[in-house]
């Protein structure tokens, strides 16, 4: 079932290319939506059959490159299942949002379906080389999406995105090879490497391997100072591309921390965890301060991603501080980190789709070109307001649940760093409130550049179908998060047991 979930989107992408070129664009869009809906239904079935305390499930193995210790090994646990579900939901939202896309629709749909395979494959991978292959292929797919369907500087943005993240992936590969060489027998299997703990007692070697792995994952996350590719890529990407880039691809980095770095390099992680805490706090404050200075709505949301990813890095760093902190608090920090991945994917995905709707109507993201939009587009204003308030951690939304767990779990082991990170919430509140006041209140003003419409239509059906479920789920997780936490918490405890070895 898991292999079918991973590779079915690519099979549908190949089917699209088998159809005659003269096939109506509506057919391509419909097939894309149906395939994405089927993927979501399949992950719901898997979630229903998942046993929260059952460890790794739905495992599948096959020989691949046995002479090099590489195998096809996939599985699902409480760390990966929520991200697999998030991936399926966001890709369906993007398919629905793109129902009015008319530029090279077959290629656009096929690239998104292929990208969905790479994302699902990475979160399911239990072999380091398999993880790396999906990691690199996601870069390729997103490169073509940005370059082919982006805005004015799409080529430059796509190239910068590709070079930064590809260099990061090479650092990641070096770290993987270091783990492979240290293991006896040599293997890239994650389960076996976690069991062996091959770098125990090898402080210098372990530190070098951790450095390579962390740099590769930090570029993808991205954290300060590896974040400079992110704003341009987001601003120039199409709305659906930005939603997937922020909602799913950034999680590949943070997921790698809890799946690879922490359980496979526990001693090195504990030794250098303070560095991660500092990087997390810097990312929180830098992302929020730079976002506060933006007048471009989409660029502002992009910088808030740096801010929100910083909370995750803070949490996983603080969780390694075994002295003067309870196991329950550290488990809460890791659980909060994974919950934040899901929450950020929902809310930032929704914000980027709404930013796309804003651009479609006014042909600019410049917030100073708008005012009073709530009077003519109340549903659009309401959705944007809900997404903004949820993103700043207001109680009743998923962001509050995630950030509460992160701060509660991190405060004991790292009180100063956590106190500084809390300032990020105040800054985030300020920047979102300023944006909402600028765009939606006051007398009506719309961009007057040539070619822009003189009216501002309210939310359209395909936009509502894409955004509303994301916001509804954010509310559900904020009010009744137990069904998600029951899955994540056992896996978080397992990670901490491995770190404490």
Protein backbone atom coordinates (compact mmCIF):
# COMPACT_ATOMS: atom_id res chain seq x y z
CA UNK A 1 0.00 0.00 0.00
CA UNK A 2 2.79 2.45 0.90
CA UNK A 3 4.64 1.87 -2.37
CA UNK A 4 1.40 2.47 -4.27
CA UNK A 5 0.88 5.71 -2.34
CA UNK A 6 4.38 6.91 -3.26
CA UNK A 7 4.52 6.01 -6.94
CA UNK A 8 0.89 6.34 -8.07
CA UNK A 9 1.23 10.10 -8.78
CA UNK A 10 4.17 9.52 -11.13
CA UNK A 11 2.24 6.76 -12.89
CA UNK A 12 -0.61 9.23 -13.45
CA UNK A 13 1.89 11.82 -14.70
CA UNK A 14 3.12 9.36 -17.31
CA UNK A 15 -0.50 8.65 -18.23
CA UNK A 16 -1.00 12.36 -18.92
CA UNK A 17 1.82 12.29 -21.44
CA UNK A 18 0.29 9.23 -23.08
CA UNK A 19 -2.83 11.25 -23.88
CA UNK A 20 -2.89 13.08 -27.22
CA UNK A 21 -1.58 16.65 -27.07
CA UNK A 22 -4.86 17.95 -28.49
CA UNK A 23 -6.72 16.63 -25.43
CA UNK A 24 -8.66 19.41 -23.72
CA UNK A 25 -6.91 21.06 -20.77
CA UNK A 26 -9.97 20.26 -18.66
CA UNK A 27 -9.15 16.57 -18.93
CA UNK A 28 -5.62 17.07 -17.61
CA UNK A 29 -6.86 19.17 -14.70
CA UNK A 30 -9.59 16.66 -13.86
CA UNK A 31 -7.21 13.70 -13.89
CA UNK A 32 -4.81 15.63 -11.66
CA UNK A 33 -7.53 16.43 -9.11
CA UNK A 34 -8.86 12.85 -9.11
CA UNK A 35 -5.37 11.40 -8.63
CA UNK A 36 -4.65 13.78 -5.74
CA UNK A 37 -8.03 12.98 -4.15
CA UNK A 38 -7.28 9.26 -4.42
CA UNK A 39 -3.92 9.80 -2.71
CA UNK A 40 -5.62 11.63 0.15
CA UNK A 41 -8.19 8.83 0.50
CA UNK A 42 -5.39 6.26 0.59
CA UNK A 43 -3.47 8.04 3.35
CA UNK A 44 -6.71 8.36 5.36
CA UNK A 45 -7.14 4.58 5.12
CA UNK A 46 -3.53 4.11 6.25
CA UNK A 47 -4.06 6.49 9.17
CA UNK A 48 -7.18 4.58 10.22
CA UNK A 49 -5.21 1.33 10.24
CA UNK A 50 -2.18 2.76 12.03
CA UNK A 51 -1.47 1.63 15.61
CA UNK A 52 -0.10 4.57 17.58
CA UNK A 53 2.22 2.49 19.80
CA UNK A 54 3.11 -0.01 17.12
CA UNK A 55 6.44 1.45 15.98
CA UNK A 56 7.32 1.31 12.31
CA UNK A 57 4.42 0.02 10.19
CA UNK A 58 3.53 -0.60 6.54
CA UNK A 59 7.17 -1.55 5.98
CA UNK A 60 8.27 -2.81 2.58
CA UNK A 61 11.73 -3.95 1.52
CA UNK A 62 13.31 -4.91 -1.78
CA UNK A 63 16.86 -5.49 -3.00
CA UNK A 64 18.20 -2.51 -4.93
CA UNK A 65 22.01 -2.13 -4.86
CA UNK A 66 23.00 -4.83 -2.37
CA UNK A 67 26.73 -4.61 -3.10
CA UNK A 68 26.70 -1.01 -1.78
CA UNK A 69 24.42 -1.68 1.16
CA UNK A 70 21.53 0.19 -0.50
CA UNK A 71 18.01 -1.18 -0.45
CA UNK A 72 14.46 -0.09 -1.14
CA UNK A 73 13.08 0.23 2.38
CA UNK A 74 10.02 2.30 3.27
CA UNK A 75 7.80 2.50 6.31
CA UNK A 76 5.59 4.76 8.41
CA UNK A 77 5.70 5.81 12.05
CA UNK A 78 4.41 8.71 14.13
CA UNK A 79 6.99 11.10 12.70
CA UNK A 80 6.27 10.42 9.04
CA UNK A 81 2.54 9.67 8.97
CA UNK A 82 1.42 13.26 9.75
CA UNK A 83 3.75 14.62 7.07
CA UNK A 84 2.53 12.11 4.52
CA UNK A 85 -1.04 13.19 5.26
CA UNK A 86 -0.08 16.88 5.06
CA UNK A 87 1.60 16.26 1.71
CA UNK A 88 -1.46 14.58 0.22
CA UNK A 89 -3.78 17.32 1.49
CA UNK A 90 -1.65 20.19 0.20
CA UNK A 91 -1.16 18.65 -3.22
CA UNK A 92 -4.92 18.19 -3.55
CA UNK A 93 -5.41 21.82 -2.50
CA UNK A 94 -2.95 22.94 -5.19
CA UNK A 95 -4.67 20.80 -7.81
CA UNK A 96 -8.02 22.41 -6.94
CA UNK A 97 -6.49 25.88 -6.87
CA UNK A 98 -5.08 25.29 -10.38
CA UNK A 99 -8.42 24.40 -11.96
CA UNK A 100 -8.24 27.65 -13.95
CA UNK A 101 -4.59 27.24 -14.96
CA UNK A 102 -4.32 27.37 -18.76
CA UNK A 103 -0.57 27.54 -19.45
CA UNK A 104 0.85 24.17 -20.58
CA UNK A 105 -1.56 22.39 -18.26
CA UNK A 106 -0.36 18.85 -19.01
CA UNK A 107 3.24 19.66 -18.12
CA UNK A 108 2.18 21.65 -15.06
CA UNK A 109 0.03 18.82 -13.70
CA UNK A 110 2.65 16.17 -14.50
CA UNK A 111 5.39 18.09 -12.68
CA UNK A 112 3.23 18.45 -9.57
CA UNK A 113 2.35 14.76 -9.63
CA UNK A 114 6.01 13.82 -9.96
CA UNK A 115 6.89 16.25 -7.17
CA UNK A 116 4.26 14.59 -4.99
CA UNK A 117 6.01 11.24 -5.46
CA UNK A 118 9.36 12.72 -4.39
CA UNK A 119 7.83 14.26 -1.26
CA UNK A 120 5.94 11.14 -0.24
CA UNK A 121 8.96 8.98 -1.00
CA UNK A 122 11.24 11.07 1.18
CA UNK A 123 8.92 10.96 4.20
CA UNK A 124 8.50 7.20 3.79
CA UNK A 125 12.17 6.38 3.07
CA UNK A 126 14.07 4.21 5.55
CA UNK A 127 17.28 4.06 3.52
CA UNK A 128 19.64 7.04 3.38
CA UNK A 129 20.31 6.78 -0.35
CA UNK A 130 16.60 6.43 -1.07
CA UNK A 131 16.07 9.52 1.08
CA UNK A 132 18.79 11.34 -0.87
CA UNK A 133 17.35 10.36 -4.27
CA UNK A 134 13.92 11.72 -3.40
CA UNK A 135 15.54 14.79 -1.81
CA UNK A 136 17.40 15.63 -5.04
CA UNK A 137 14.51 14.82 -7.38
CA UNK A 138 12.27 17.23 -5.46
CA UNK A 139 14.77 19.99 -6.25
CA UNK A 140 14.61 19.18 -9.96
CA UNK A 141 10.81 19.18 -10.07
CA UNK A 142 10.50 22.47 -8.18
CA UNK A 143 13.16 24.06 -10.38
CA UNK A 144 11.05 23.47 -13.49
CA UNK A 145 7.85 24.63 -11.77
CA UNK A 146 9.44 27.95 -10.77
CA UNK A 147 11.25 28.46 -14.07
CA UNK A 148 8.31 27.46 -16.26
CA UNK A 149 5.37 29.10 -14.51
CA UNK A 150 6.89 31.81 -12.32
CA UNK A 151 6.88 35.58 -12.63
CA UNK A 152 9.32 38.08 -14.13
CA UNK A 153 12.53 36.84 -12.47
CA UNK A 154 11.52 33.17 -12.49
CA UNK A 155 14.68 31.98 -14.23
CA UNK A 156 16.98 33.67 -11.72
CA UNK A 157 14.91 32.50 -8.76
CA UNK A 158 14.83 28.91 -10.02
CA UNK A 159 18.58 28.86 -10.61
CA UNK A 160 19.35 30.26 -7.16
CA UNK A 161 16.97 27.78 -5.55
CA UNK A 162 18.53 24.87 -7.42
CA UNK A 163 22.17 25.80 -6.74
CA UNK A 164 21.66 26.46 -3.03
CA UNK A 165 19.66 23.35 -2.31
CA UNK A 166 21.75 21.12 -4.57
CA UNK A 167 24.94 22.18 -2.79
CA UNK A 168 23.17 21.42 0.48
CA UNK A 169 22.25 17.98 -0.81
CA UNK A 170 25.92 17.27 -1.61
CA UNK A 171 26.84 18.08 1.99
CA UNK A 172 24.05 15.75 3.08
CA UNK A 173 25.44 12.96 0.87
CA UNK A 174 28.88 13.34 2.44
CA UNK A 175 27.31 12.91 5.86
CA UNK A 176 25.43 9.82 4.70
CA UNK A 177 28.63 8.28 3.35
CA UNK A 178 30.31 9.02 6.68
CA UNK A 179 27.58 7.07 8.47
CA UNK A 180 27.89 4.23 5.96
CA UNK A 181 31.65 3.92 6.43
CA UNK A 182 31.35 3.92 10.21
CA UNK A 183 28.77 1.12 10.27
CA UNK A 184 29.77 -2.52 10.51
CA UNK A 185 28.62 -4.10 8.32
CA UNK A 186 28.39 -1.13 5.97
CA UNK A 187 24.80 -0.12 5.31
CA UNK A 188 22.63 2.85 4.43
CA UNK A 189 19.57 1.37 6.12
CA UNK A 190 18.20 3.89 8.64
CA UNK A 191 16.78 1.30 11.00
CA UNK A 192 20.07 -0.59 11.14
CA UNK A 193 22.14 2.59 11.54
CA UNK A 194 19.90 3.73 14.37
CA UNK A 195 20.31 0.36 16.09
CA UNK A 196 24.10 0.28 15.62
CA UNK A 197 24.83 3.89 16.64
CA UNK A 198 28.12 3.51 14.71
CA UNK A 199 29.69 6.82 15.78
CA UNK A 200 29.33 6.28 19.52
CA UNK A 201 32.56 7.31 21.24
CA UNK A 202 34.03 8.88 18.08
CA UNK A 203 33.66 12.55 18.91
CA UNK A 204 35.67 14.13 16.08
CA UNK A 205 34.31 11.84 13.35
CA UNK A 206 30.79 12.16 14.73
CA UNK A 207 31.06 15.95 14.84
CA UNK A 208 32.17 16.11 11.20
CA UNK A 209 29.37 13.81 10.04
CA UNK A 210 26.81 15.79 12.04
CA UNK A 211 28.12 19.03 10.56
CA UNK A 212 27.65 17.73 7.01
CA UNK A 213 24.16 16.41 7.73
CA UNK A 214 23.03 19.54 9.56
CA UNK A 215 24.32 21.89 6.83
CA UNK A 216 22.49 19.91 4.16
CA UNK A 217 19.25 19.93 6.15
CA UNK A 218 19.64 23.56 7.28
CA UNK A 219 19.79 24.76 3.66
CA UNK A 220 16.54 22.98 2.91
CA UNK A 221 14.78 24.10 6.12
CA UNK A 222 16.06 26.94 5.71
CA UNK A 223 17.74 28.45 8.75
CA UNK A 224 19.90 31.53 9.14
CA UNK A 225 22.37 31.96 7.41
CA UNK A 226 21.30 29.50 4.68
CA UNK A 227 17.92 31.12 3.99
CA UNK A 228 18.75 33.69 1.31
CA UNK A 229 17.44 31.56 -1.56
CA UNK A 230 13.96 31.39 -0.03
CA UNK A 231 12.37 34.86 -0.50
CA UNK A 232 13.17 35.16 -4.21
CA UNK A 233 12.02 31.60 -4.91
CA UNK A 234 8.72 32.22 -3.15
CA UNK A 235 8.04 35.61 -4.72
CA UNK A 236 8.71 34.39 -8.26
CA UNK A 237 7.09 30.95 -7.99
CA UNK A 238 3.45 30.41 -8.99
CA UNK A 239 1.07 30.33 -6.02
CA UNK A 240 0.69 26.55 -6.04
CA UNK A 241 4.47 26.15 -6.24
CA UNK A 242 4.97 28.47 -3.26
CA UNK A 243 2.39 26.55 -1.24
CA UNK A 244 4.21 23.25 -1.82
CA UNK A 245 7.65 24.79 -1.35
CA UNK A 246 6.71 26.22 2.06
CA UNK A 247 4.19 23.61 3.13
CA UNK A 248 6.08 20.45 2.19
CA UNK A 249 9.62 20.95 0.87
CA UNK A 250 10.84 22.99 3.84
CA UNK A 251 9.71 20.14 6.11
CA UNK A 252 12.22 17.84 4.46
CA UNK A 253 14.94 19.64 6.40
CA UNK A 254 13.25 19.66 9.80
CA UNK A 255 12.05 16.07 9.30
CA UNK A 256 15.65 15.07 8.60
CA UNK A 257 16.67 16.41 12.01
CA UNK A 258 14.29 14.11 13.89
CA UNK A 259 14.56 11.14 11.53
CA UNK A 260 18.33 11.11 10.86
CA UNK A 261 20.47 13.50 12.88
CA UNK A 262 19.02 12.94 16.36
CA UNK A 263 18.61 9.12 16.45
CA UNK A 264 21.67 8.20 14.36
CA UNK A 265 24.14 10.72 15.85
CA UNK A 266 22.92 10.99 19.45
CA UNK A 267 26.22 11.82 21.14
CA UNK A 268 27.25 14.41 18.57
CA UNK A 269 23.75 15.90 18.61
CA UNK A 270 23.81 16.25 22.40
CA UNK A 271 27.30 17.77 22.32
CA UNK A 272 26.48 20.44 19.74
CA UNK A 273 22.79 20.97 20.49
CA UNK A 274 23.45 24.45 21.89
CA UNK A 275 24.59 25.53 18.43
CA UNK A 276 21.23 24.42 17.03
CA UNK A 277 19.43 26.33 19.77
CA UNK A 278 21.31 29.52 18.87
CA UNK A 279 20.61 29.02 15.17
CA UNK A 280 16.94 28.47 15.96
CA UNK A 281 16.64 31.68 17.97
CA UNK A 282 18.49 33.68 15.31
CA UNK A 283 16.14 32.29 12.65
CA UNK A 284 13.08 33.17 14.76
CA UNK A 285 14.14 36.77 15.36
CA UNK A 286 15.76 37.46 12.00
CA UNK A 287 12.83 36.00 10.05
CA UNK A 288 10.30 38.04 12.03
CA UNK A 289 12.27 41.31 11.89
CA UNK A 290 12.92 41.10 8.16
CA UNK A 291 9.29 40.13 7.52
CA UNK A 292 8.24 43.19 9.50
CA UNK A 293 10.19 45.40 7.08
CA UNK A 294 8.48 44.07 3.93
CA UNK A 295 5.84 45.80 1.84
CA UNK A 296 5.51 42.80 -0.50
CA UNK A 297 2.85 40.48 0.92
CA UNK A 298 4.32 37.29 -0.51
CA UNK A 299 7.87 38.13 0.53
CA UNK A 300 6.57 38.88 4.03
CA UNK A 301 4.95 35.44 4.26
CA UNK A 302 8.17 33.87 2.95
CA UNK A 303 10.21 35.40 5.76
CA UNK A 304 7.68 34.22 8.34
CA UNK A 305 8.59 30.70 7.19
CA UNK A 306 12.17 31.33 8.35
CA UNK A 307 10.69 32.48 11.65
CA UNK A 308 8.45 29.44 12.10
CA UNK A 309 11.14 26.95 11.07
CA UNK A 310 13.33 28.55 13.73
CA UNK A 311 10.89 27.42 16.42
CA UNK A 312 11.34 23.83 15.24
CA UNK A 313 15.13 24.06 15.29
CA UNK A 314 14.98 25.56 18.79
CA UNK A 315 12.79 22.69 19.99
CA UNK A 316 14.92 19.85 18.62
CA UNK A 317 18.04 21.53 19.97
CA UNK A 318 16.55 22.05 23.42
CA UNK A 319 15.32 18.45 23.52
CA UNK A 320 18.93 17.23 23.60
CA UNK A 321 19.64 18.95 26.93
CA UNK A 322 19.32 15.92 29.24
CA UNK A 323 20.58 17.71 32.35
CA UNK A 324 18.16 19.69 34.55
CA UNK A 325 15.16 18.86 32.40
CA UNK A 326 12.51 16.19 32.58
CA UNK A 327 11.98 13.58 29.91
CA UNK A 328 8.37 14.69 29.64
CA UNK A 329 9.37 18.28 28.84
CA UNK A 330 11.87 17.17 26.21
CA UNK A 331 9.30 14.86 24.66
CA UNK A 332 6.89 17.80 24.57
CA UNK A 333 9.47 19.83 22.64
CA UNK A 334 9.89 17.15 19.96
CA UNK A 335 6.13 16.61 19.74
CA UNK A 336 5.69 20.36 19.35
CA UNK A 337 8.31 20.45 16.60
CA UNK A 338 6.45 17.82 14.54
CA UNK A 339 3.10 19.49 15.26
CA UNK A 340 4.59 22.79 14.09
CA UNK A 341 5.60 21.15 10.80
CA UNK A 342 1.99 20.17 10.20
CA UNK A 343 0.55 23.48 11.39
CA UNK A 344 2.95 25.58 9.35
CA UNK A 345 2.23 23.51 6.26
CA UNK A 346 -1.51 24.11 6.58
CA UNK A 347 -1.38 27.82 7.40
CA UNK A 348 1.47 28.97 5.20
CA UNK A 349 0.14 26.88 2.34
CA UNK A 350 -3.18 28.70 2.71
CA UNK A 351 -1.46 32.10 2.92
CA UNK A 352 0.50 31.51 -0.27
CA UNK A 353 -2.62 30.42 -2.14
CA UNK A 354 -4.37 33.57 -0.91
CA UNK A 355 -1.36 35.61 -1.99
CA UNK A 356 -1.80 34.08 -5.43
CA UNK A 357 -5.42 35.17 -5.44
CA UNK A 358 -4.34 38.70 -4.51
CA UNK A 359 -1.83 38.78 -7.36
CA UNK A 360 -4.33 37.41 -9.87
CA UNK A 361 -6.64 40.34 -9.12
CA UNK A 362 -4.14 43.18 -8.78
CA UNK A 363 -1.02 41.93 -10.59
CA UNK A 364 1.13 42.98 -7.65
CA UNK A 365 2.00 41.81 -4.15
CA UNK A 366 2.75 45.36 -3.00
CA UNK A 367 0.54 45.95 0.03
CA UNK A 368 0.70 49.75 -0.35
CA UNK A 369 -1.21 49.40 -3.63
CA UNK A 370 -4.30 48.10 -1.82
CA UNK A 371 -6.68 49.25 0.86
CA UNK A 372 -10.32 48.69 1.80
CA UNK A 373 -10.43 45.30 0.06
CA UNK A 374 -12.66 43.83 2.79
CA UNK A 375 -15.54 45.99 1.57
CA UNK A 376 -15.62 44.34 -1.87
CA UNK A 377 -14.19 40.89 -1.02
CA UNK A 378 -15.33 39.97 2.52
CA UNK A 379 -14.79 36.21 2.12
CA UNK A 380 -11.25 36.77 0.85
CA UNK A 381 -10.57 39.14 3.75
CA UNK A 382 -12.01 36.68 6.28
CA UNK A 383 -9.90 33.78 5.02
CA UNK A 384 -6.74 35.87 5.01
CA UNK A 385 -7.50 37.14 8.50
CA UNK A 386 -8.08 33.61 9.84
CA UNK A 387 -4.83 32.35 8.28
CA UNK A 388 -2.90 35.33 9.65
CA UNK A 389 -4.26 35.05 13.21
CA UNK A 390 -3.66 31.31 13.19
CA UNK A 391 -0.08 31.83 12.03
CA UNK A 392 0.72 34.17 14.89
CA UNK A 393 -0.30 31.48 17.39
CA UNK A 394 -3.73 32.61 18.51
CA UNK A 395 -5.48 30.06 20.82
CA UNK A 396 -8.03 27.93 19.00
CA UNK A 397 -5.72 27.24 16.06
CA UNK A 398 -3.05 24.64 15.38
CA UNK A 399 -0.26 27.21 15.64
CA UNK A 400 -1.03 27.76 19.32
CA UNK A 401 -0.90 24.03 20.08
CA UNK A 402 2.46 23.67 18.34
CA UNK A 403 4.11 26.76 19.82
CA UNK A 404 2.76 26.07 23.31
CA UNK A 405 4.38 22.64 23.25
CA UNK A 406 7.64 24.01 21.88
CA UNK A 407 7.94 26.76 24.47
CA UNK A 408 6.82 24.54 27.36
CA UNK A 409 9.28 21.82 26.41
CA UNK A 410 12.17 24.21 25.70
CA UNK A 411 11.84 26.62 28.62
CA UNK A 412 13.33 24.29 31.24
CA UNK A 413 16.51 23.26 29.42
CA UNK A 414 17.02 26.56 27.52
CA UNK A 415 15.21 29.38 29.40
CA UNK A 416 17.11 32.35 27.90
CA UNK A 417 16.83 31.11 24.33
CA UNK A 418 13.13 30.33 24.76
CA UNK A 419 12.42 33.75 26.25
CA UNK A 420 14.10 35.42 23.28
CA UNK A 421 12.16 33.22 20.85
CA UNK A 422 8.87 34.31 22.42
CA UNK A 423 9.60 37.79 21.08
CA UNK A 424 9.10 36.29 17.64
CA UNK A 425 5.40 35.88 18.40
CA UNK A 426 5.07 39.59 19.20
CA UNK A 427 6.85 40.55 15.99
CA UNK A 428 4.75 38.12 13.96
CA UNK A 429 1.57 39.56 15.45
CA UNK A 430 2.71 43.06 14.54
CA UNK A 431 3.56 42.28 10.94
CA UNK A 432 0.33 40.39 10.25
CA UNK A 433 -1.85 43.03 11.89
CA UNK A 434 -0.11 45.73 9.87
CA UNK A 435 -0.65 43.78 6.65
CA UNK A 436 -4.34 43.20 7.40
CA UNK A 437 -4.87 46.88 8.23
CA UNK A 438 -3.10 48.02 5.07
CA UNK A 439 -4.84 45.72 2.60
CA UNK A 440 -8.33 45.30 4.03
CA UNK A 441 -9.28 48.47 5.91
CA UNK A 442 -9.74 52.10 4.96
CA UNK A 443 -11.07 53.54 1.67
CA UNK A 444 -11.03 51.21 -1.32
CA UNK A 445 -7.85 51.46 -3.40
CA UNK A 446 -6.73 49.03 -6.08
CA UNK A 447 -3.58 48.95 -8.24
CA UNK A 448 -3.85 51.27 -11.23
CA UNK A 449 -1.10 49.77 -13.39
CA UNK A 450 -2.02 49.19 -17.06
CA UNK A 451 -3.80 45.89 -17.56
CA UNK A 452 -5.05 45.50 -13.99
CA UNK A 453 -8.80 45.06 -13.49
CA UNK A 454 -10.84 47.86 -11.97
CA UNK A 455 -12.77 45.43 -9.78
CA UNK A 456 -11.68 43.03 -7.05
CA UNK A 457 -13.74 39.82 -7.24
CA UNK A 458 -14.31 37.94 -4.03
CA UNK A 459 -12.98 34.43 -3.48
CA UNK A 460 -13.76 32.10 -6.38
CA UNK A 461 -15.03 28.54 -6.06
CA UNK A 462 -11.76 26.81 -6.94
CA UNK A 463 -9.86 29.07 -4.52
CA UNK A 464 -12.33 28.36 -1.74
CA UNK A 465 -12.13 24.62 -2.36
CA UNK A 466 -8.37 24.82 -1.97
CA UNK A 467 -8.07 27.14 1.03
CA UNK A 468 -11.10 26.41 3.24
CA UNK A 469 -10.18 22.78 4.10
CA UNK A 470 -6.69 23.90 5.18
CA UNK A 471 -8.14 26.52 7.51
CA UNK A 472 -10.82 24.17 8.84
CA UNK A 473 -8.21 21.55 9.69
CA UNK A 474 -6.08 24.20 11.41
CA UNK A 475 -9.09 24.99 13.61
CA UNK A 476 -9.81 21.30 14.27
CA UNK A 477 -6.19 20.75 15.35
CA UNK A 478 -6.39 23.83 17.54
CA UNK A 479 -9.54 22.67 19.31
CA UNK A 480 -9.20 18.85 19.30
CA UNK A 481 -5.57 17.91 18.53
CA UNK A 482 -5.65 14.56 20.30
CA UNK A 483 -5.92 12.45 17.15
CA UNK A 484 -2.66 13.98 15.87
CA UNK A 485 -0.80 14.03 19.18
CA UNK A 486 -1.64 10.38 19.88
CA UNK A 487 0.29 9.50 16.74
CA UNK A 488 3.27 11.82 17.29
CA UNK A 489 3.94 11.39 21.03
CA UNK A 490 5.06 7.72 21.07
CA UNK A 491 7.47 8.39 18.21
CA UNK A 492 8.82 11.48 20.00
CA UNK A 493 9.54 9.43 23.11
CA UNK A 494 11.35 6.87 21.00
CA UNK A 495 13.56 9.56 19.46
CA UNK A 496 14.49 10.89 22.90
CA UNK A 497 15.31 7.39 24.16
CA UNK A 498 17.70 7.04 21.23
CA UNK A 499 19.29 10.44 21.90
CA UNK A 500 19.82 9.55 25.56
CA UNK A 501 21.85 6.41 24.78
